[in-house]
Amino acid sequence: MKKYIILSGVIFFMSFFNCKGGTKNSAINISPNDLYTALQTDSIQLIDVRTPKEYQAGFIKTAQNIDYKSSNFSTNIEALNKQKPVYIYCRSGKRSEKSIKIFQEAGFEKIYNLEGGILNWKQKGLDIFK
């Protein structure tokens, strides 16, 4: 009986403080509407992690292009303010999702990832700039 109670406590503790939820620098997926609202209210660090060619074809207003596929991606994000939240997006959400780990390793604590990338943004009818 004691073993059962101890095991139950351990399982409860682990589920309450799981790895992802307990970290101070975990990323949060946000909708296009949430990003749109953030752009209206804040001066945010918005990073487009697509290639320069993709970026030139159309981007979200105020986005800075830092190519995830470039060899100096880690170096380029070091120039950003780690104390401010960083919002990231790509074409469909895959590259930005992969880049989260690099942002975390660089010391960013508040990371927001646009769900579905710029494709989802466009689908919602939100503006693209060239």
C-alpha atoms as a PDB file:
ATOM      1  CA  MET A   1       0.000   0.000   0.000  1.00  0.00           C
ATOM      2  CA  LYS A   2       2.843   2.397   0.857  1.00  0.00           C
ATOM      3  CA  LYS A   3       4.466   1.703  -2.527  1.00  0.00           C
ATOM      4  CA  TYR A   4       1.184   2.514  -4.280  1.00  0.00           C
ATOM      5  CA  ILE A   5       0.846   5.824  -2.440  1.00  0.00           C
ATOM      6  CA  ILE A   6       4.462   6.781  -3.132  1.00  0.00           C
ATOM      7  CA  LEU A   7       4.129   5.808  -6.819  1.00  0.00           C
ATOM      8  CA  SER A   8       0.907   7.825  -7.113  1.00  0.00           C
ATOM      9  CA  GLY A   9       2.659  10.842  -5.611  1.00  0.00           C
ATOM     10  CA  VAL A  10       5.583  10.531  -8.009  1.00  0.00           C
ATOM     11  CA  ILE A  11       3.256  10.260 -11.025  1.00  0.00           C
ATOM     12  CA  PHE A  12       1.258  13.276  -9.860  1.00  0.00           C
ATOM     13  CA  PHE A  13       4.422  15.314  -9.306  1.00  0.00           C
ATOM     14  CA  MET A  14       5.810  14.400 -12.742  1.00  0.00           C
ATOM     15  CA  SER A  15       2.564  15.225 -14.529  1.00  0.00           C
ATOM     16  CA  PHE A  16       2.224  18.529 -12.679  1.00  0.00           C
ATOM     17  CA  PHE A  17       5.803  19.625 -13.391  1.00  0.00           C
ATOM     18  CA  ASN A  18       6.399  18.114 -16.818  1.00  0.00           C
ATOM     19  CA  CYS A  19       9.441  19.142 -18.845  1.00  0.00           C
ATOM     20  CA  LYS A  20       7.710  21.383 -21.341  1.00  0.00           C
ATOM     21  CA  GLY A  21       5.357  23.216 -19.023  1.00  0.00           C
ATOM     22  CA  GLY A  22       7.903  23.826 -16.306  1.00  0.00           C
ATOM     23  CA  THR A  23      10.496  25.645 -18.357  1.00  0.00           C
ATOM     24  CA  LYS A  24      10.650  29.410 -18.346  1.00  0.00           C
ATOM     25  CA  ASN A  25      11.584  29.570 -22.021  1.00  0.00           C
ATOM     26  CA  SER A  26       9.070  27.297 -23.678  1.00  0.00           C
ATOM     27  CA  ALA A  27       7.521  28.525 -26.910  1.00  0.00           C
ATOM     28  CA  ILE A  28       3.855  29.369 -27.312  1.00  0.00           C
ATOM     29  CA  ASN A  29       1.997  28.749 -30.558  1.00  0.00           C
ATOM     30  CA  ILE A  30      -0.231  31.664 -31.482  1.00  0.00           C
ATOM     31  CA  SER A  31      -2.919  32.188 -34.094  1.00  0.00           C
ATOM     32  CA  PRO A  32      -2.734  34.743 -36.895  1.00  0.00           C
ATOM     33  CA  ASN A  33      -5.319  36.833 -35.025  1.00  0.00           C
ATOM     34  CA  ASP A  34      -3.166  36.809 -31.878  1.00  0.00           C
ATOM     35  CA  LEU A  35      -0.128  37.942 -33.879  1.00  0.00           C
ATOM     36  CA  TYR A  36      -2.189  40.622 -35.608  1.00  0.00           C
ATOM     37  CA  THR A  37      -3.277  41.931 -32.189  1.00  0.00           C
ATOM     38  CA  ALA A  38       0.316  41.904 -30.907  1.00  0.00           C
ATOM     39  CA  LEU A  39       1.414  43.892 -33.959  1.00  0.00           C
ATOM     40  CA  GLN A  40      -1.231  46.541 -33.216  1.00  0.00           C
ATOM     41  CA  THR A  41      -0.365  46.970 -29.562  1.00  0.00           C
ATOM     42  CA  ASP A  42       3.357  46.326 -29.237  1.00  0.00           C
ATOM     43  CA  SER A  43       6.642  47.103 -30.868  1.00  0.00           C
ATOM     44  CA  ILE A  44       7.605  43.466 -31.251  1.00  0.00           C
ATOM     45  CA  GLN A  45      10.541  41.507 -32.612  1.00  0.00           C
ATOM     46  CA  LEU A  46       8.967  39.682 -35.546  1.00  0.00           C
ATOM     47  CA  ILE A  47      11.317  37.274 -37.312  1.00  0.00           C
ATOM     48  CA  ASP A  48      10.647  35.638 -40.671  1.00  0.00           C
ATOM     49  CA  VAL A  49      12.888  32.559 -40.800  1.00  0.00           C
ATOM     50  CA  ARG A  50      12.269  31.845 -44.496  1.00  0.00           C
ATOM     51  CA  THR A  51      14.820  32.304 -47.255  1.00  0.00           C
ATOM     52  CA  PRO A  52      15.422  35.826 -48.635  1.00  0.00           C
ATOM     53  CA  LYS A  53      13.677  34.834 -51.888  1.00  0.00           C
ATOM     54  CA  GLU A  54      10.560  33.739 -49.979  1.00  0.00           C
ATOM     55  CA  TYR A  55      10.686  36.891 -47.858  1.00  0.00           C
ATOM     56  CA  GLN A  56      10.858  39.140 -50.939  1.00  0.00           C
ATOM     57  CA  ALA A  57       7.757  37.445 -52.347  1.00  0.00           C
ATOM     58  CA  GLY A  58       5.777  38.806 -49.382  1.00  0.00           C
ATOM     59  CA  PHE A  59       6.145  39.210 -45.628  1.00  0.00           C
ATOM     60  CA  ILE A  60       4.235  40.330 -42.550  1.00  0.00           C
ATOM     61  CA  LYS A  61       4.679  44.045 -41.818  1.00  0.00           C
ATOM     62  CA  THR A  62       7.737  44.854 -39.633  1.00  0.00           C
ATOM     63  CA  ALA A  63       9.192  41.342 -40.016  1.00  0.00           C
ATOM     64  CA  GLN A  64      12.958  41.017 -40.087  1.00  0.00           C
ATOM     65  CA  ASN A  65      14.296  38.225 -42.289  1.00  0.00           C
ATOM     66  CA  ILE A  66      16.779  35.857 -40.631  1.00  0.00           C
ATOM     67  CA  ASP A  67      17.084  32.741 -42.785  1.00  0.00           C
ATOM     68  CA  TYR A  68      16.880  29.539 -40.714  1.00  0.00           C
ATOM     69  CA  LYS A  69      18.743  27.659 -43.462  1.00  0.00           C
ATOM     70  CA  SER A  70      21.720  30.045 -43.453  1.00  0.00           C
ATOM     71  CA  SER A  71      24.978  28.942 -41.860  1.00  0.00           C
ATOM     72  CA  ASN A  72      25.014  32.036 -39.624  1.00  0.00           C
ATOM     73  CA  PHE A  73      21.444  31.789 -38.290  1.00  0.00           C
ATOM     74  CA  SER A  74      22.579  31.415 -34.657  1.00  0.00           C
ATOM     75  CA  THR A  75      24.935  34.377 -34.973  1.00  0.00           C
ATOM     76  CA  ASN A  76      22.248  36.559 -36.559  1.00  0.00           C
ATOM     77  CA  ILE A  77      19.702  35.965 -33.808  1.00  0.00           C
ATOM     78  CA  GLU A  78      22.295  36.971 -31.204  1.00  0.00           C
ATOM     79  CA  ALA A  79      21.779  40.588 -32.336  1.00  0.00           C
ATOM     80  CA  LEU A  80      18.166  40.504 -31.121  1.00  0.00           C
ATOM     81  CA  ASN A  81      17.052  41.629 -27.671  1.00  0.00           C
ATOM     82  CA  LYS A  82      16.727  38.475 -25.536  1.00  0.00           C
ATOM     83  CA  GLN A  83      14.738  40.314 -22.872  1.00  0.00           C
ATOM     84  CA  LYS A  84      11.929  41.136 -25.317  1.00  0.00           C
ATOM     85  CA  PRO A  85       9.504  38.532 -26.639  1.00  0.00           C
ATOM     86  CA  VAL A  86      10.352  37.204 -30.084  1.00  0.00           C
ATOM     87  CA  TYR A  87       7.664  36.221 -32.582  1.00  0.00           C
ATOM     88  CA  ILE A  88       8.696  33.845 -35.361  1.00  0.00           C
ATOM     89  CA  TYR A  89       7.128  32.468 -38.509  1.00  0.00           C
ATOM     90  CA  CYS A  90       7.970  30.714 -41.760  1.00  0.00           C
ATOM     91  CA  ARG A  91       5.939  29.393 -44.685  1.00  0.00           C
ATOM     92  CA  SER A  92       3.922  26.666 -42.963  1.00  0.00           C
ATOM     93  CA  GLY A  93       5.248  26.503 -39.417  1.00  0.00           C
ATOM     94  CA  LYS A  94       7.810  23.712 -39.781  1.00  0.00           C
ATOM     95  CA  ARG A  95      11.018  25.770 -39.949  1.00  0.00           C
ATOM     96  CA  SER A  96       9.894  28.158 -37.252  1.00  0.00           C
ATOM     97  CA  GLU A  97       9.074  25.170 -35.037  1.00  0.00           C
ATOM     98  CA  LYS A  98      12.582  23.793 -35.635  1.00  0.00           C
ATOM     99  CA  SER A  99      14.148  27.201 -34.936  1.00  0.00           C
ATOM    100  CA  ILE A 100      12.583  27.392 -31.462  1.00  0.00           C
ATOM    101  CA  LYS A 101      15.335  25.219 -29.984  1.00  0.00           C
ATOM    102  CA  ILE A 102      18.015  27.554 -31.351  1.00  0.00           C
ATOM    103  CA  PHE A 103      16.233  30.599 -29.917  1.00  0.00           C
ATOM    104  CA  GLN A 104      15.984  28.823 -26.556  1.00  0.00           C
ATOM    105  CA  GLU A 105      19.668  27.872 -26.606  1.00  0.00           C
ATOM    106  CA  ALA A 106      20.515  31.510 -27.372  1.00  0.00           C
ATOM    107  CA  GLY A 107      18.726  32.573 -24.179  1.00  0.00           C
ATOM    108  CA  PHE A 108      15.345  33.833 -25.401  1.00  0.00           C
ATOM    109  CA  GLU A 109      12.693  33.348 -22.730  1.00  0.00           C
ATOM    110  CA  LYS A 110       9.506  34.442 -24.488  1.00  0.00           C
ATOM    111  CA  ILE A 111       9.100  32.834 -27.895  1.00  0.00           C
ATOM    112  CA  TYR A 112       5.884  32.952 -29.900  1.00  0.00           C
ATOM    113  CA  ASN A 113       5.453  30.798 -33.002  1.00  0.00           C
ATOM    114  CA  LEU A 114       2.814  31.599 -35.640  1.00  0.00           C
ATOM    115  CA  GLU A 115       0.718  28.461 -36.146  1.00  0.00           C
ATOM    116  CA  GLY A 116       0.591  27.471 -39.797  1.00  0.00           C
ATOM    117  CA  GLY A 117       3.078  30.161 -40.795  1.00  0.00           C
ATOM    118  CA  ILE A 118       2.438  32.824 -43.396  1.00  0.00           C
ATOM    119  CA  LEU A 119       0.144  30.449 -45.300  1.00  0.00           C
ATOM    120  CA  ASN A 120      -2.263  30.502 -42.357  1.00  0.00           C
ATOM    121  CA  TRP A 121      -1.843  34.297 -42.081  1.00  0.00           C
ATOM    122  CA  LYS A 122      -2.819  34.699 -45.756  1.00  0.00           C
ATOM    123  CA  GLN A 123      -5.720  32.267 -45.409  1.00  0.00           C
ATOM    124  CA  LYS A 124      -7.167  34.530 -42.705  1.00  0.00           C
ATOM    125  CA  GLY A 125      -7.049  37.434 -45.191  1.00  0.00           C
ATOM    126  CA  LEU A 126      -4.388  39.392 -43.327  1.00  0.00           C
ATOM    127  CA  ASP A 127      -2.058  41.797 -45.149  1.00  0.00           C
ATOM    128  CA  ILE A 128       1.224  40.843 -46.787  1.00  0.00           C
ATOM    129  CA  PHE A 129       3.853  43.423 -47.776  1.00  0.00           C
ATOM    130  CA  LYS A 130       6.450  43.418 -50.530  1.00  0.00           C
END
